[in-house]
Amino acid sequence: MRRAVRGRAARLARLVPARSATAARTPFVLLIVLLLGSGLIALLLLNSALNQGSFKLSRLKKQTTELTDQQQTLQQEVDAYSAPDALEQRARELGMVPGGSPRFLDPHGTVRGGTPVSPGSVP
């Protein structure tokens, strides 16, 4: 009886088509290819974003250098204009004269210190 069952099962097994090994692997292979492809695309996008940031950084460094040079040039001009000799020359061009020694007015109305300067005299 067992032989009959085994023979019968063998015949039935021959009638049912066996699953192909490639059919089972196809979704796995497609998944791996999809993962690798998306990883490659992500790496390319990341690389291009990094390159773009690098170009922007170098452009900003160059701009910073130019602005630093301009700031130093302007600071030198300010220093030249605020030097005592330059201020004195500019004051003379405007018609100003040195004030001489200072004079002080007491609360009682008396003038102390300095030498009196007449309106027409220039020290």
PDB file of N, CA and C in Angstrom:
ATOM      1  N   MET A   1       0.796  -1.185   0.000  1.00  0.00           N
ATOM      2  CA  MET A   1       0.000   0.000   0.000  1.00  0.00           C
ATOM      3  C   MET A   1       0.847   1.262   0.000  1.00  0.00           C
ATOM      4  N   ARG A   2       1.914   1.190   0.728  1.00  0.00           N
ATOM      5  CA  ARG A   2       2.772   2.371   0.781  1.00  0.00           C
ATOM      6  C   ARG A   2       3.387   2.636  -0.585  1.00  0.00           C
ATOM      7  N   ARG A   3       3.701   1.591  -1.272  1.00  0.00           N
ATOM      8  CA  ARG A   3       4.269   1.775  -2.602  1.00  0.00           C
ATOM      9  C   ARG A   3       3.272   2.439  -3.527  1.00  0.00           C
ATOM     10  N   ALA A   4       2.059   2.107  -3.380  1.00  0.00           N
ATOM     11  CA  ALA A   4       1.024   2.690  -4.229  1.00  0.00           C
ATOM     12  C   ALA A   4       0.886   4.171  -3.937  1.00  0.00           C
ATOM     13  N   VAL A   5       0.983   4.521  -2.646  1.00  0.00           N
ATOM     14  CA  VAL A   5       0.878   5.936  -2.279  1.00  0.00           C
ATOM     15  C   VAL A   5       2.084   6.692  -2.792  1.00  0.00           C
ATOM     16  N   ARG A   6       3.233   6.077  -2.633  1.00  0.00           N
ATOM     17  CA  ARG A   6       4.445   6.764  -3.117  1.00  0.00           C
ATOM     18  C   ARG A   6       4.409   6.921  -4.630  1.00  0.00           C
ATOM     19  N   GLY A   7       3.989   5.923  -5.324  1.00  0.00           N
ATOM     20  CA  GLY A   7       3.919   6.004  -6.776  1.00  0.00           C
ATOM     21  C   GLY A   7       2.904   7.030  -7.211  1.00  0.00           C
ATOM     22  N   ARG A   8       1.812   7.060  -6.504  1.00  0.00           N
ATOM     23  CA  ARG A   8       0.775   8.018  -6.813  1.00  0.00           C
ATOM     24  C   ARG A   8       1.253   9.443  -6.540  1.00  0.00           C
ATOM     25  N   ALA A   9       1.944   9.655  -5.404  1.00  0.00           N
ATOM     26  CA  ALA A   9       2.465  10.981  -5.073  1.00  0.00           C
ATOM     27  C   ALA A   9       3.515  11.408  -6.082  1.00  0.00           C
ATOM     28  N   ALA A  10       4.297  10.480  -6.531  1.00  0.00           N
ATOM     29  CA  ALA A  10       5.321  10.803  -7.520  1.00  0.00           C
ATOM     30  C   ALA A  10       4.677  11.223  -8.819  1.00  0.00           C
ATOM     31  N   ARG A  11       3.606  10.527  -9.221  1.00  0.00           N
ATOM     32  CA  ARG A  11       2.910  10.884 -10.462  1.00  0.00           C
ATOM     33  C   ARG A  11       2.241  12.253 -10.332  1.00  0.00           C
ATOM     34  N   LEU A  12       1.637  12.509  -9.173  1.00  0.00           N
ATOM     35  CA  LEU A  12       1.006  13.806  -8.970  1.00  0.00           C
ATOM     36  C   LEU A  12       2.055  14.933  -8.940  1.00  0.00           C
ATOM     37  N   ALA A  13       3.217  14.624  -8.358  1.00  0.00           N
ATOM     38  CA  ALA A  13       4.279  15.635  -8.299  1.00  0.00           C
ATOM     39  C   ALA A  13       4.774  15.961  -9.692  1.00  0.00           C
ATOM     40  N   ARG A  14       4.749  14.998 -10.579  1.00  0.00           N
ATOM     41  CA  ARG A  14       5.180  15.247 -11.961  1.00  0.00           C
ATOM     42  C   ARG A  14       4.160  16.097 -12.706  1.00  0.00           C
ATOM     43  N   LEU A  15       2.915  15.998 -12.325  1.00  0.00           N
ATOM     44  CA  LEU A  15       1.881  16.778 -12.996  1.00  0.00           C
ATOM     45  C   LEU A  15       1.925  18.262 -12.603  1.00  0.00           C
ATOM     46  N   VAL A  16       2.314  18.538 -11.341  1.00  0.00           N
ATOM     47  CA  VAL A  16       2.401  19.923 -10.876  1.00  0.00           C
ATOM     48  C   VAL A  16       3.744  20.488 -11.342  1.00  0.00           C
ATOM     49  N   PRO A  17       3.731  21.617 -12.053  1.00  0.00           N
ATOM     50  CA  PRO A  17       5.014  22.167 -12.519  1.00  0.00           C
ATOM     51  C   PRO A  17       5.868  22.647 -11.346  1.00  0.00           C
ATOM     52  N   ALA A  18       7.128  22.336 -11.409  1.00  0.00           N
ATOM     53  CA  ALA A  18       8.063  22.745 -10.348  1.00  0.00           C
ATOM     54  C   ALA A  18       8.343  24.242 -10.468  1.00  0.00           C
ATOM     55  N   ARG A  19       8.536  24.910  -9.304  1.00  0.00           N
ATOM     56  CA  ARG A  19       8.824  26.352  -9.323  1.00  0.00           C
ATOM     57  C   ARG A  19      10.223  26.575  -9.851  1.00  0.00           C
ATOM     58  N   SER A  20      10.330  27.494 -10.660  1.00  0.00           N
ATOM     59  CA  SER A  20      11.625  27.818 -11.234  1.00  0.00           C
ATOM     60  C   SER A  20      12.455  28.593 -10.210  1.00  0.00           C
ATOM     61  N   ALA A  21      13.741  28.304 -10.108  1.00  0.00           N
ATOM     62  CA  ALA A  21      14.620  28.995  -9.164  1.00  0.00           C
ATOM     63  C   ALA A  21      14.827  30.438  -9.594  1.00  0.00           C
ATOM     64  N   THR A  22      14.805  30.721 -10.870  1.00  0.00           N
ATOM     65  CA  THR A  22      15.002  32.087 -11.351  1.00  0.00           C
ATOM     66  C   THR A  22      13.796  32.960 -11.026  1.00  0.00           C
ATOM     67  N   ALA A  23      12.612  32.367 -11.015  1.00  0.00           N
ATOM     68  CA  ALA A  23      11.425  33.157 -10.704  1.00  0.00           C
ATOM     69  C   ALA A  23      11.471  33.639  -9.259  1.00  0.00           C
ATOM     70  N   ALA A  24      12.031  32.878  -8.359  1.00  0.00           N
ATOM     71  CA  ALA A  24      12.125  33.275  -6.963  1.00  0.00           C
ATOM     72  C   ALA A  24      13.216  34.320  -6.761  1.00  0.00           C
ATOM     73  N   ARG A  25      14.233  34.307  -7.575  1.00  0.00           N
ATOM     74  CA  ARG A  25      15.348  35.249  -7.427  1.00  0.00           C
ATOM     75  C   ARG A  25      15.074  36.603  -8.077  1.00  0.00           C
ATOM     76  N   THR A  26      14.179  36.656  -8.999  1.00  0.00           N
ATOM     77  CA  THR A  26      13.936  37.887  -9.753  1.00  0.00           C
ATOM     78  C   THR A  26      13.576  39.078  -8.847  1.00  0.00           C
ATOM     79  N   PRO A  27      12.647  38.972  -7.924  1.00  0.00           N
ATOM     80  CA  PRO A  27      12.347  40.142  -7.079  1.00  0.00           C
ATOM     81  C   PRO A  27      13.539  40.562  -6.224  1.00  0.00           C
ATOM     82  N   PHE A  28      14.312  39.610  -5.753  1.00  0.00           N
ATOM     83  CA  PHE A  28      15.487  39.934  -4.942  1.00  0.00           C
ATOM     84  C   PHE A  28      16.532  40.677  -5.770  1.00  0.00           C
ATOM     85  N   VAL A  29      16.770  40.186  -6.969  1.00  0.00           N
ATOM     86  CA  VAL A  29      17.745  40.845  -7.849  1.00  0.00           C
ATOM     87  C   VAL A  29      17.271  42.249  -8.204  1.00  0.00           C
ATOM     88  N   LEU A  30      15.990  42.395  -8.500  1.00  0.00           N
ATOM     89  CA  LEU A  30      15.459  43.724  -8.815  1.00  0.00           C
ATOM     90  C   LEU A  30      15.579  44.662  -7.609  1.00  0.00           C
ATOM     91  N   LEU A  31      15.344  44.148  -6.429  1.00  0.00           N
ATOM     92  CA  LEU A  31      15.482  44.962  -5.221  1.00  0.00           C
ATOM     93  C   LEU A  31      16.923  45.426  -5.034  1.00  0.00           C
ATOM     94  N   ILE A  32      17.882  44.535  -5.219  1.00  0.00           N
ATOM     95  CA  ILE A  32      19.297  44.880  -5.085  1.00  0.00           C
ATOM     96  C   ILE A  32      19.696  45.913  -6.133  1.00  0.00           C
ATOM     97  N   VAL A  33      19.274  45.713  -7.369  1.00  0.00           N
ATOM     98  CA  VAL A  33      19.603  46.667  -8.438  1.00  0.00           C
ATOM     99  C   VAL A  33      18.984  48.028  -8.132  1.00  0.00           C
ATOM    100  N   LEU A  34      17.745  48.032  -7.648  1.00  0.00           N
ATOM    101  CA  LEU A  34      17.083  49.283  -7.298  1.00  0.00           C
ATOM    102  C   LEU A  34      17.810  49.997  -6.160  1.00  0.00           C
ATOM    103  N   LEU A  35      18.219  49.257  -5.131  1.00  0.00           N
ATOM    104  CA  LEU A  35      18.957  49.852  -4.013  1.00  0.00           C
ATOM    105  C   LEU A  35      20.303  50.413  -4.461  1.00  0.00           C
ATOM    106  N   LEU A  36      21.016  49.660  -5.270  1.00  0.00           N
ATOM    107  CA  LEU A  36      22.314  50.145  -5.767  1.00  0.00           C
ATOM    108  C   LEU A  36      22.143  51.374  -6.653  1.00  0.00           C
ATOM    109  N   GLY A  37      21.155  51.369  -7.505  1.00  0.00           N
ATOM    110  CA  GLY A  37      20.911  52.518  -8.385  1.00  0.00           C
ATOM    111  C   GLY A  37      20.537  53.761  -7.600  1.00  0.00           C
ATOM    112  N   SER A  38      19.632  53.596  -6.625  1.00  0.00           N
ATOM    113  CA  SER A  38      19.242  54.769  -5.831  1.00  0.00           C
ATOM    114  C   SER A  38      20.416  55.258  -4.979  1.00  0.00           C
ATOM    115  N   GLY A  39      21.248  54.352  -4.492  1.00  0.00           N
ATOM    116  CA  GLY A  39      22.439  54.766  -3.743  1.00  0.00           C
ATOM    117  C   GLY A  39      23.397  55.549  -4.618  1.00  0.00           C
ATOM    118  N   LEU A  40      23.571  55.105  -5.854  1.00  0.00           N
ATOM    119  CA  LEU A  40      24.457  55.806  -6.782  1.00  0.00           C
ATOM    120  C   LEU A  40      23.926  57.196  -7.096  1.00  0.00           C
ATOM    121  N   ILE A  41      22.623  57.296  -7.325  1.00  0.00           N
ATOM    122  CA  ILE A  41      22.022  58.608  -7.606  1.00  0.00           C
ATOM    123  C   ILE A  41      22.163  59.522  -6.396  1.00  0.00           C
ATOM    124  N   ALA A  42      21.955  58.983  -5.199  1.00  0.00           N
ATOM    125  CA  ALA A  42      22.110  59.791  -3.987  1.00  0.00           C
ATOM    126  C   ALA A  42      23.543  60.276  -3.832  1.00  0.00           C
ATOM    127  N   LEU A  43      24.513  59.420  -4.121  1.00  0.00           N
ATOM    128  CA  LEU A  43      25.917  59.832  -4.048  1.00  0.00           C
ATOM    129  C   LEU A  43      26.237  60.920  -5.061  1.00  0.00           C
ATOM    130  N   LEU A  44      25.707  60.804  -6.259  1.00  0.00           N
ATOM    131  CA  LEU A  44      25.946  61.829  -7.278  1.00  0.00           C
ATOM    132  C   LEU A  44      25.340  63.171  -6.857  1.00  0.00           C
ATOM    133  N   LEU A  45      24.134  63.136  -6.308  1.00  0.00           N
ATOM    134  CA  LEU A  45      23.503  64.386  -5.849  1.00  0.00           C
ATOM    135  C   LEU A  45      24.275  65.002  -4.695  1.00  0.00           C
ATOM    136  N   LEU A  46      24.735  64.171  -3.777  1.00  0.00           N
ATOM    137  CA  LEU A  46      25.522  64.659  -2.642  1.00  0.00           C
ATOM    138  C   LEU A  46      26.843  65.259  -3.115  1.00  0.00           C
ATOM    139  N   ASN A  47      27.485  64.601  -4.048  1.00  0.00           N
ATOM    140  CA  ASN A  47      28.761  65.091  -4.578  1.00  0.00           C
ATOM    141  C   ASN A  47      28.579  66.439  -5.281  1.00  0.00           C
ATOM    142  N   SER A  48      27.518  66.562  -6.070  1.00  0.00           N
ATOM    143  CA  SER A  48      27.307  67.839  -6.767  1.00  0.00           C
ATOM    144  C   SER A  48      26.959  68.947  -5.771  1.00  0.00           C
ATOM    145  N   ALA A  49      26.221  68.620  -4.720  1.00  0.00           N
ATOM    146  CA  ALA A  49      25.906  69.632  -3.699  1.00  0.00           C
ATOM    147  C   ALA A  49      27.169  70.072  -2.968  1.00  0.00           C
ATOM    148  N   LEU A  50      28.054  69.131  -2.671  1.00  0.00           N
ATOM    149  CA  LEU A  50      29.325  69.484  -2.016  1.00  0.00           C
ATOM    150  C   LEU A  50      30.192  70.343  -2.925  1.00  0.00           C
ATOM    151  N   ASN A  51      30.231  70.012  -4.213  1.00  0.00           N
ATOM    152  CA  ASN A  51      31.022  70.821  -5.152  1.00  0.00           C
ATOM    153  C   ASN A  51      30.467  72.227  -5.253  1.00  0.00           C
ATOM    154  N   GLN A  52      29.151  72.332  -5.288  1.00  0.00           N
ATOM    155  CA  GLN A  52      28.534  73.652  -5.362  1.00  0.00           C
ATOM    156  C   GLN A  52      28.861  74.471  -4.116  1.00  0.00           C
ATOM    157  N   GLY A  53      28.815  73.832  -2.950  1.00  0.00           N
ATOM    158  CA  GLY A  53      29.175  74.519  -1.711  1.00  0.00           C
ATOM    159  C   GLY A  53      30.636  74.933  -1.698  1.00  0.00           C
ATOM    160  N   SER A  54      31.486  74.101  -2.274  1.00  0.00           N
ATOM    161  CA  SER A  54      32.913  74.416  -2.331  1.00  0.00           C
ATOM    162  C   SER A  54      33.163  75.635  -3.215  1.00  0.00           C
ATOM    163  N   PHE A  55      32.479  75.699  -4.353  1.00  0.00           N
ATOM    164  CA  PHE A  55      32.634  76.862  -5.231  1.00  0.00           C
ATOM    165  C   PHE A  55      32.132  78.127  -4.543  1.00  0.00           C
ATOM    166  N   LYS A  56      31.021  78.025  -3.842  1.00  0.00           N
ATOM    167  CA  LYS A  56      30.487  79.184  -3.140  1.00  0.00           C
ATOM    168  C   LYS A  56      31.453  79.631  -2.037  1.00  0.00           C
ATOM    169  N   LEU A  57      32.038  78.672  -1.324  1.00  0.00           N
ATOM    170  CA  LEU A  57      32.986  78.994  -0.262  1.00  0.00           C
ATOM    171  C   LEU A  57      34.209  79.706  -0.815  1.00  0.00           C
ATOM    172  N   SER A  58      34.750  79.224  -1.940  1.00  0.00           N
ATOM    173  CA  SER A  58      35.932  79.889  -2.503  1.00  0.00           C
ATOM    174  C   SER A  58      35.583  81.291  -3.001  1.00  0.00           C
ATOM    175  N   ARG A  59      34.377  81.450  -3.568  1.00  0.00           N
ATOM    176  CA  ARG A  59      33.956  82.781  -4.024  1.00  0.00           C
ATOM    177  C   ARG A  59      33.812  83.733  -2.838  1.00  0.00           C
ATOM    178  N   LEU A  60      33.257  83.254  -1.736  1.00  0.00           N
ATOM    179  CA  LEU A  60      33.100  84.098  -0.553  1.00  0.00           C
ATOM    180  C   LEU A  60      34.444  84.430   0.091  1.00  0.00           C
ATOM    181  N   LYS A  61      35.394  83.483   0.059  1.00  0.00           N
ATOM    182  CA  LYS A  61      36.730  83.774   0.583  1.00  0.00           C
ATOM    183  C   LYS A  61      37.409  84.859  -0.241  1.00  0.00           C
ATOM    184  N   LYS A  62      37.262  84.774  -1.556  1.00  0.00           N
ATOM    185  CA  LYS A  62      37.848  85.797  -2.431  1.00  0.00           C
ATOM    186  C   LYS A  62      37.214  87.154  -2.164  1.00  0.00           C
ATOM    187  N   GLN A  63      35.893  87.169  -1.995  1.00  0.00           N
ATOM    188  CA  GLN A  63      35.190  88.425  -1.710  1.00  0.00           C
ATOM    189  C   GLN A  63      35.623  88.985  -0.352  1.00  0.00           C
ATOM    190  N   THR A  64      35.820  88.118   0.631  1.00  0.00           N
ATOM    191  CA  THR A  64      36.272  88.560   1.946  1.00  0.00           C
ATOM    192  C   THR A  64      37.653  89.191   1.854  1.00  0.00           C
ATOM    193  N   THR A  65      38.539  88.585   1.077  1.00  0.00           N
ATOM    194  CA  THR A  65      39.883  89.139   0.899  1.00  0.00           C
ATOM    195  C   THR A  65      39.817  90.519   0.250  1.00  0.00           C
ATOM    196  N   GLU A  66      38.990  90.648  -0.788  1.00  0.00           N
ATOM    197  CA  GLU A  66      38.859  91.943  -1.464  1.00  0.00           C
ATOM    198  C   GLU A  66      38.299  93.008  -0.512  1.00  0.00           C
ATOM    199  N   LEU A  67      37.295  92.633   0.264  1.00  0.00           N
ATOM    200  CA  LEU A  67      36.701  93.604   1.190  1.00  0.00           C
ATOM    201  C   LEU A  67      37.660  93.970   2.320  1.00  0.00           C
ATOM    202  N   THR A  68      38.474  93.014   2.751  1.00  0.00           N
ATOM    203  CA  THR A  68      39.475  93.311   3.779  1.00  0.00           C
ATOM    204  C   THR A  68      40.505  94.293   3.242  1.00  0.00           C
ATOM    205  N   ASP A  69      40.939  94.083   1.997  1.00  0.00           N
ATOM    206  CA  ASP A  69      41.886  95.022   1.386  1.00  0.00           C
ATOM    207  C   ASP A  69      41.272  96.416   1.264  1.00  0.00           C
ATOM    208  N   GLN A  70      40.014  96.470   0.850  1.00  0.00           N
ATOM    209  CA  GLN A  70      39.336  97.763   0.713  1.00  0.00           C
ATOM    210  C   GLN A  70      39.206  98.448   2.080  1.00  0.00           C
ATOM    211  N   GLN A  71      38.883  97.666   3.118  1.00  0.00           N
ATOM    212  CA  GLN A  71      38.746  98.230   4.461  1.00  0.00           C
ATOM    213  C   GLN A  71      40.084  98.789   4.942  1.00  0.00           C
ATOM    214  N   GLN A  72      41.178  98.085   4.661  1.00  0.00           N
ATOM    215  CA  GLN A  72      42.497  98.563   5.075  1.00  0.00           C
ATOM    216  C   GLN A  72      42.872  99.842   4.333  1.00  0.00           C
ATOM    217  N   THR A  73      42.539  99.920   3.054  1.00  0.00           N
ATOM    218  CA  THR A  73      42.824 101.132   2.278  1.00  0.00           C
ATOM    219  C   THR A  73      42.041 102.320   2.844  1.00  0.00           C
ATOM    220  N   LEU A  74      40.774 102.098   3.147  1.00  0.00           N
ATOM    221  CA  LEU A  74      39.962 103.179   3.711  1.00  0.00           C
ATOM    222  C   LEU A  74      40.464 103.588   5.095  1.00  0.00           C
ATOM    223  N   GLN A  75      40.911 102.631   5.887  1.00  0.00           N
ATOM    224  CA  GLN A  75      41.440 102.956   7.208  1.00  0.00           C
ATOM    225  C   GLN A  75      42.716 103.793   7.089  1.00  0.00           C
ATOM    226  N   GLN A  76      43.559 103.495   6.099  1.00  0.00           N
ATOM    227  CA  GLN A  76      44.771 104.290   5.877  1.00  0.00           C
ATOM    228  C   GLN A  76      44.408 105.717   5.481  1.00  0.00           C
ATOM    229  N   GLU A  77      43.354 105.877   4.655  1.00  0.00           N
ATOM    230  CA  GLU A  77      42.919 107.220   4.270  1.00  0.00           C
ATOM    231  C   GLU A  77      42.411 108.001   5.491  1.00  0.00           C
ATOM    232  N   VAL A  78      41.639 107.338   6.328  1.00  0.00           N
ATOM    233  CA  VAL A  78      41.128 107.992   7.541  1.00  0.00           C
ATOM    234  C   VAL A  78      42.280 108.388   8.442  1.00  0.00           C
ATOM    235  N   ASP A  79      43.259 107.497   8.601  1.00  0.00           N
ATOM    236  CA  ASP A  79      44.420 107.813   9.433  1.00  0.00           C
ATOM    237  C   ASP A  79      45.194 108.999   8.868  1.00  0.00           C
ATOM    238  N   ALA A  80      45.317 109.058   7.537  1.00  0.00           N
ATOM    239  CA  ALA A  80      46.035 110.175   6.914  1.00  0.00           C
ATOM    240  C   ALA A  80      45.285 111.490   7.136  1.00  0.00           C
ATOM    241  N   TYR A  81      43.951 111.484   7.043  1.00  0.00           N
ATOM    242  CA  TYR A  81      43.177 112.704   7.235  1.00  0.00           C
ATOM    243  C   TYR A  81      43.143 113.135   8.700  1.00  0.00           C
ATOM    244  N   SER A  82      43.270 112.196   9.616  1.00  0.00           N
ATOM    245  CA  SER A  82      43.185 112.559  11.027  1.00  0.00           C
ATOM    246  C   SER A  82      44.551 112.787  11.667  1.00  0.00           C
ATOM    247  N   ALA A  83      45.613 112.741  10.891  1.00  0.00           N
ATOM    248  CA  ALA A  83      46.941 113.048  11.427  1.00  0.00           C
ATOM    249  C   ALA A  83      47.002 114.531  11.800  1.00  0.00           C
ATOM    250  N   PRO A  84      47.727 114.877  12.858  1.00  0.00           N
ATOM    251  CA  PRO A  84      47.770 116.281  13.298  1.00  0.00           C
ATOM    252  C   PRO A  84      48.237 117.258  12.215  1.00  0.00           C
ATOM    253  N   ASP A  85      49.243 116.886  11.441  1.00  0.00           N
ATOM    254  CA  ASP A  85      49.726 117.789  10.379  1.00  0.00           C
ATOM    255  C   ASP A  85      48.642 118.017   9.323  1.00  0.00           C
ATOM    256  N   ALA A  86      47.941 116.959   8.944  1.00  0.00           N
ATOM    257  CA  ALA A  86      46.891 117.093   7.936  1.00  0.00           C
ATOM    258  C   ALA A  86      45.742 117.936   8.469  1.00  0.00           C
ATOM    259  N   LEU A  87      45.398 117.760   9.745  1.00  0.00           N
ATOM    260  CA  LEU A  87      44.327 118.574  10.338  1.00  0.00           C
ATOM    261  C   LEU A  87      44.716 120.051  10.391  1.00  0.00           C
ATOM    262  N   GLU A  88      45.982 120.312  10.740  1.00  0.00           N
ATOM    263  CA  GLU A  88      46.439 121.697  10.812  1.00  0.00           C
ATOM    264  C   GLU A  88      46.400 122.349   9.431  1.00  0.00           C
ATOM    265  N   GLN A  89      46.862 121.617   8.414  1.00  0.00           N
ATOM    266  CA  GLN A  89      46.871 122.165   7.053  1.00  0.00           C
ATOM    267  C   GLN A  89      45.444 122.446   6.578  1.00  0.00           C
ATOM    268  N   ARG A  90      44.535 121.521   6.826  1.00  0.00           N
ATOM    269  CA  ARG A  90      43.138 121.709   6.414  1.00  0.00           C
ATOM    270  C   ARG A  90      42.508 122.882   7.164  1.00  0.00           C
ATOM    271  N   ALA A  91      42.839 123.063   8.443  1.00  0.00           N
ATOM    272  CA  ALA A  91      42.306 124.184   9.218  1.00  0.00           C
ATOM    273  C   ALA A  91      42.814 125.501   8.656  1.00  0.00           C
ATOM    274  N   ARG A  92      44.076 125.560   8.288  1.00  0.00           N
ATOM    275  CA  ARG A  92      44.625 126.800   7.706  1.00  0.00           C
ATOM    276  C   ARG A  92      43.958 127.106   6.374  1.00  0.00           C
ATOM    277  N   GLU A  93      43.671 126.048   5.572  1.00  0.00           N
ATOM    278  CA  GLU A  93      42.971 126.268   4.296  1.00  0.00           C
ATOM    279  C   GLU A  93      41.579 126.850   4.528  1.00  0.00           C
ATOM    280  N   LEU A  94      40.973 126.508   5.643  1.00  0.00           N
ATOM    281  CA  LEU A  94      39.644 127.024   5.973  1.00  0.00           C
ATOM    282  C   LEU A  94      39.704 128.388   6.658  1.00  0.00           C
ATOM    283  N   GLY A  95      40.919 128.893   6.898  1.00  0.00           N
ATOM    284  CA  GLY A  95      41.066 130.214   7.500  1.00  0.00           C
ATOM    285  C   GLY A  95      41.130 130.190   9.012  1.00  0.00           C
ATOM    286  N   MET A  96      41.328 129.052   9.617  1.00  0.00           N
ATOM    287  CA  MET A  96      41.424 128.967  11.073  1.00  0.00           C
ATOM    288  C   MET A  96      42.847 129.268  11.511  1.00  0.00           C
ATOM    289  N   VAL A  97      42.985 129.782  12.731  1.00  0.00           N
ATOM    290  CA  VAL A  97      44.301 130.083  13.302  1.00  0.00           C
ATOM    291  C   VAL A  97      44.418 129.383  14.643  1.00  0.00           C
ATOM    292  N   PRO A  98      45.643 129.101  15.095  1.00  0.00           N
ATOM    293  CA  PRO A  98      45.810 128.472  16.409  1.00  0.00           C
ATOM    294  C   PRO A  98      45.250 129.369  17.496  1.00  0.00           C
ATOM    295  N   GLY A  99      44.707 128.776  18.508  1.00  0.00           N
ATOM    296  CA  GLY A  99      44.032 129.534  19.550  1.00  0.00           C
ATOM    297  C   GLY A  99      44.957 130.067  20.625  1.00  0.00           C
ATOM    298  N   GLY A 100      46.166 129.624  20.690  1.00  0.00           N
ATOM    299  CA  GLY A 100      47.062 130.095  21.739  1.00  0.00           C
ATOM    300  C   GLY A 100      46.780 129.350  23.034  1.00  0.00           C
ATOM    301  N   SER A 101      47.268 129.915  24.130  1.00  0.00           N
ATOM    302  CA  SER A 101      47.065 129.252  25.422  1.00  0.00           C
ATOM    303  C   SER A 101      45.629 129.500  25.893  1.00  0.00           C
ATOM    304  N   PRO A 102      45.073 128.572  26.634  1.00  0.00           N
ATOM    305  CA  PRO A 102      43.664 128.710  27.031  1.00  0.00           C
ATOM    306  C   PRO A 102      43.474 129.776  28.110  1.00  0.00           C
ATOM    307  N   ARG A 103      42.291 130.339  28.137  1.00  0.00           N
ATOM    308  CA  ARG A 103      41.911 131.320  29.148  1.00  0.00           C
ATOM    309  C   ARG A 103      40.665 130.799  29.833  1.00  0.00           C
ATOM    310  N   PHE A 104      40.555 131.097  31.107  1.00  0.00           N
ATOM    311  CA  PHE A 104      39.446 130.598  31.911  1.00  0.00           C
ATOM    312  C   PHE A 104      38.676 131.750  32.516  1.00  0.00           C
ATOM    313  N   LEU A 105      37.390 131.569  32.635  1.00  0.00           N
ATOM    314  CA  LEU A 105      36.512 132.576  33.220  1.00  0.00           C
ATOM    315  C   LEU A 105      36.060 132.080  34.592  1.00  0.00           C
ATOM    316  N   ASP A 106      36.375 132.880  35.631  1.00  0.00           N
ATOM    317  CA  ASP A 106      35.968 132.535  36.995  1.00  0.00           C
ATOM    318  C   ASP A 106      34.467 132.774  37.160  1.00  0.00           C
ATOM    319  N   PRO A 107      33.882 132.165  38.202  1.00  0.00           N
ATOM    320  CA  PRO A 107      32.446 132.413  38.452  1.00  0.00           C
ATOM    321  C   PRO A 107      32.147 133.883  38.744  1.00  0.00           C
ATOM    322  N   HIS A 108      33.161 134.633  39.145  1.00  0.00           N
ATOM    323  CA  HIS A 108      32.953 136.041  39.453  1.00  0.00           C
ATOM    324  C   HIS A 108      33.094 136.919  38.228  1.00  0.00           C
ATOM    325  N   GLY A 109      33.491 136.346  37.080  1.00  0.00           N
ATOM    326  CA  GLY A 109      33.593 137.123  35.858  1.00  0.00           C
ATOM    327  C   GLY A 109      34.989 137.573  35.512  1.00  0.00           C
ATOM    328  N   THR A 110      35.976 137.173  36.266  1.00  0.00           N
ATOM    329  CA  THR A 110      37.346 137.572  35.937  1.00  0.00           C
ATOM    330  C   THR A 110      37.972 136.526  35.020  1.00  0.00           C
ATOM    331  N   VAL A 111      38.837 136.984  34.122  1.00  0.00           N
ATOM    332  CA  VAL A 111      39.516 136.101  33.169  1.00  0.00           C
ATOM    333  C   VAL A 111      40.878 135.767  33.723  1.00  0.00           C
ATOM    334  N   ARG A 112      41.229 134.505  33.700  1.00  0.00           N
ATOM    335  CA  ARG A 112      42.526 134.050  34.201  1.00  0.00           C
ATOM    336  C   ARG A 112      43.255 133.267  33.127  1.00  0.00           C
ATOM    337  N   GLY A 113      44.582 133.335  33.151  1.00  0.00           N
ATOM    338  CA  GLY A 113      45.440 132.543  32.270  1.00  0.00           C
ATOM    339  C   GLY A 113      45.512 133.090  30.875  1.00  0.00           C
ATOM    340  N   GLY A 114      46.493 132.556  30.132  1.00  0.00           N
ATOM    341  CA  GLY A 114      46.664 132.913  28.742  1.00  0.00           C
ATOM    342  C   GLY A 114      47.084 134.343  28.547  1.00  0.00           C
ATOM    343  N   THR A 115      47.418 134.664  27.336  1.00  0.00           N
ATOM    344  CA  THR A 115      47.756 136.030  27.000  1.00  0.00           C
ATOM    345  C   THR A 115      46.613 136.608  26.199  1.00  0.00           C
ATOM    346  N   PRO A 116      46.248 137.825  26.472  1.00  0.00           N
ATOM    347  CA  PRO A 116      45.136 138.411  25.716  1.00  0.00           C
ATOM    348  C   PRO A 116      45.501 138.551  24.245  1.00  0.00           C
ATOM    349  N   VAL A 117      44.568 138.210  23.388  1.00  0.00           N
ATOM    350  CA  VAL A 117      44.784 138.280  21.938  1.00  0.00           C
ATOM    351  C   VAL A 117      43.843 139.337  21.399  1.00  0.00           C
ATOM    352  N   SER A 118      44.439 140.243  20.641  1.00  0.00           N
ATOM    353  CA  SER A 118      43.606 141.278  20.022  1.00  0.00           C
ATOM    354  C   SER A 118      42.979 140.684  18.759  1.00  0.00           C
ATOM    355  N   PRO A 119      41.827 141.172  18.349  1.00  0.00           N
ATOM    356  CA  PRO A 119      41.137 140.583  17.200  1.00  0.00           C
ATOM    357  C   PRO A 119      41.961 140.603  15.926  1.00  0.00           C
ATOM    358  N   GLY A 120      42.857 141.520  15.733  1.00  0.00           N
ATOM    359  CA  GLY A 120      43.611 141.592  14.496  1.00  0.00           C
ATOM    360  C   GLY A 120      44.894 140.790  14.503  1.00  0.00           C
ATOM    361  N   SER A 121      45.358 140.364  15.654  1.00  0.00           N
ATOM    362  CA  SER A 121      46.647 139.670  15.718  1.00  0.00           C
ATOM    363  C   SER A 121      46.461 138.170  15.550  1.00  0.00           C
ATOM    364  N   VAL A 122      47.430 137.576  14.878  1.00  0.00           N
ATOM    365  CA  VAL A 122      47.420 136.116  14.660  1.00  0.00           C
ATOM    366  C   VAL A 122      48.707 135.566  15.233  1.00  0.00           C
ATOM    367  N   PRO A 123      48.616 134.662  16.190  1.00  0.00           N
ATOM    368  CA  PRO A 123      49.864 134.141  16.771  1.00  0.00           C
ATOM    369  C   PRO A 123      50.643 133.295  15.805  1.00  0.00           C
TER     370      PRO A 123
END
